[in-house]
Structure formats: C-alpha cells, structure tokens
Amino acid sequence: MRETKSTNMEIIKLIRFLKKQSRESEAGVWLDVAEHLSKPSRKRIAVNLSRINRYTEKSETVVVPGKVLGSGVIDHAVTVAAFDASAKAKAKLAAAKAKYLSIAELVEKNPQGSNVRIIG
C-alpha cells in the first residue's frame, strides 16, 4: 500500500516549525504535538470543551493537536492552543474569559513548552 501524506501546506509548515523548535529548545512537548498532527485527518484529535473543562484547572495552558469543538461548557479561564476551533467553541471560550491561540503563537510565547499539557 502506498503511504499517503498531508497536502495541506499550513499543517506541513506547522509540523516543520514544531520539530525545529523541539530541537532548538530541547522541548519534547512540541515534538509530541508534531507527531499528533502528522496523523491522517480522520485520526486527528477532536476535543469538546467539556473535556477541557473536566481535565484542567484555572489559568492552565493546554494544547489540542487537532480541533476544539463547542459541545459542553467551560467555567474557568484557561489558555487553549489548537490547530483549529469551531466558531461555537471560540465564542464559549471568549465568554469564559479563556484565551484561544494558534499552536504557533503558543510556541513563540513559550518556546520551552513549560507548564503545557496536551489534551487528546
């Protein structure tokens, strides 16, 4: 069988950027995120807000190597970085005074990846 690869240039550039940052900063968390994003789109992670709410504390930073969906509620302020998020999820995060960032923005703010959790 032939191996298929992603043709989405945005995700390819992000994976390369994450691998480079992982090598330069010696931060394994970015390599893990890159490996999750390298999977086929049907196997990529999709996380509901209810799961983020259940497994996080106030002021925590989490990375979702996939898409954040708007099902459920979030009742505390967290920083969520993801490849993509639905419009409903972004609205609920804003209502809870939580921050939504792209993964690249989070890497630039925190190159070492300290105090960052992957939720999937």
Protein backbone atom coordinates (compact mmCIF):
# COMPACT_ATOMS: atom_id res chain seq x y z
CA MET A 1 0.00 0.00 0.00
CA ARG A 2 1.14 3.48 -0.78
CA GLU A 3 1.76 5.85 2.12
CA THR A 4 -0.39 8.97 1.96
CA LYS A 5 0.80 12.33 3.19
CA SER A 6 -0.97 15.54 4.04
CA THR A 7 -1.28 18.05 1.21
CA ASN A 8 -2.38 20.89 3.49
CA MET A 9 0.56 23.32 3.31
CA GLU A 10 -0.48 25.06 6.52
CA ILE A 11 -0.22 21.88 8.57
CA ILE A 12 3.02 20.82 6.85
CA LYS A 13 4.65 24.16 7.73
CA LEU A 14 3.39 23.90 11.32
CA ILE A 15 4.81 20.38 11.71
CA ARG A 16 8.20 21.51 10.40
CA PHE A 17 8.14 24.55 12.71
CA LEU A 18 7.28 22.40 15.74
CA LYS A 19 10.05 19.89 15.01
CA LYS A 20 12.58 22.71 14.59
CA GLN A 21 11.51 24.35 17.86
CA SER A 22 11.70 20.99 19.63
CA ARG A 23 15.31 20.51 18.50
CA GLU A 24 16.40 24.08 19.27
CA SER A 25 14.68 24.36 22.66
CA GLU A 26 15.07 20.73 23.66
CA ALA A 27 11.34 20.69 24.41
CA GLY A 28 9.82 17.27 23.77
CA VAL A 29 6.26 18.56 24.06
CA TRP A 30 6.47 20.24 20.62
CA LEU A 31 7.74 17.02 19.02
CA ASP A 32 4.76 15.16 20.53
CA VAL A 33 2.36 17.76 19.13
CA ALA A 34 4.02 17.48 15.70
CA GLU A 35 3.62 13.69 15.75
CA HIS A 36 -0.08 14.00 16.59
CA LEU A 37 -0.57 16.50 13.76
CA SER A 38 1.25 14.18 11.32
CA LYS A 39 -1.54 11.61 11.54
CA PRO A 40 -4.18 11.40 8.80
CA SER A 41 -7.05 13.87 9.21
CA ARG A 42 -9.56 11.14 10.10
CA LYS A 43 -7.34 10.09 13.04
CA ARG A 44 -6.60 13.62 14.23
CA ILE A 45 -7.84 14.62 17.67
CA ALA A 46 -11.12 16.46 18.20
CA VAL A 47 -11.81 17.63 21.76
CA ASN A 48 -15.01 19.06 23.21
CA LEU A 49 -14.98 21.95 25.66
CA SER A 50 -16.48 19.68 28.30
CA ARG A 51 -13.31 17.56 28.28
CA ILE A 52 -11.10 20.65 28.56
CA ASN A 53 -13.23 21.84 31.48
CA ARG A 54 -13.05 18.46 33.22
CA TYR A 55 -9.28 17.95 32.98
CA THR A 56 -7.94 21.48 33.53
CA GLU A 57 -7.54 23.91 36.38
CA LYS A 58 -7.87 27.68 36.33
CA SER A 59 -5.05 29.52 34.48
CA GLU A 60 -3.68 26.32 32.94
CA THR A 61 -2.30 26.10 29.38
CA VAL A 62 -3.36 23.22 27.14
CA VAL A 63 -2.62 22.20 23.55
CA VAL A 64 -5.08 20.33 21.36
CA PRO A 65 -3.26 18.86 18.34
CA GLY A 66 -6.43 18.95 16.27
CA LYS A 67 -9.76 20.71 16.56
CA VAL A 68 -11.65 22.12 19.55
CA LEU A 69 -15.40 21.57 19.34
CA GLY A 70 -18.10 23.56 21.12
CA SER A 71 -20.00 20.81 22.92
CA GLY A 72 -20.24 21.34 26.67
CA VAL A 73 -19.46 24.30 28.88
CA ILE A 74 -16.28 25.76 30.29
CA ASP A 75 -16.49 27.55 33.64
CA HIS A 76 -12.92 28.72 34.25
CA ALA A 77 -10.31 30.71 32.36
CA VAL A 78 -7.66 28.63 30.60
CA THR A 79 -5.37 29.17 27.64
CA VAL A 80 -6.19 26.82 24.78
CA ALA A 81 -3.93 26.40 21.76
CA ALA A 82 -5.20 24.30 18.87
CA PHE A 83 -4.78 23.81 15.15
CA ASP A 84 -8.42 24.76 14.64
CA ALA A 85 -11.57 25.51 16.63
CA SER A 86 -15.22 25.76 15.73
CA ALA A 87 -16.92 29.15 15.88
CA LYS A 88 -19.12 27.96 18.74
CA ALA A 89 -16.06 26.86 20.74
CA LYS A 90 -14.34 30.21 20.21
CA ALA A 91 -17.46 32.04 21.38
CA LYS A 92 -17.77 29.90 24.52
CA LEU A 93 -14.06 30.37 25.32
CA ALA A 94 -14.43 34.13 24.98
CA ALA A 95 -17.49 34.08 27.25
CA ALA A 96 -15.50 32.21 29.92
CA LYS A 97 -12.64 34.74 29.60
CA ALA A 98 -10.38 31.97 28.31
CA LYS A 99 -7.74 32.62 25.66
CA TYR A 100 -7.63 30.86 22.31
CA LEU A 101 -4.30 30.80 20.46
CA SER A 102 -2.90 29.02 17.46
CA ILE A 103 -0.21 26.47 18.23
CA ALA A 104 2.44 28.63 16.52
CA GLU A 105 1.53 31.61 18.74
CA LEU A 106 1.89 29.48 21.87
CA VAL A 107 5.29 28.18 20.73
CA GLU A 108 6.51 31.74 20.20
CA LYS A 109 5.30 32.77 23.68
CA ASN A 110 6.57 29.64 25.41
CA PRO A 111 9.42 28.03 23.39
CA GLN A 112 10.43 25.72 26.24
CA GLY A 113 6.92 24.29 26.49
CA SER A 114 6.93 24.58 30.28
CA ASN A 115 3.60 24.01 32.06
CA VAL A 116 1.87 22.98 28.82
CA ARG A 117 -0.39 19.91 28.72
CA ILE A 118 -1.57 18.02 25.66
CA ILE A 119 -5.24 17.07 25.76
CA GLY A 120 -6.48 14.50 23.32
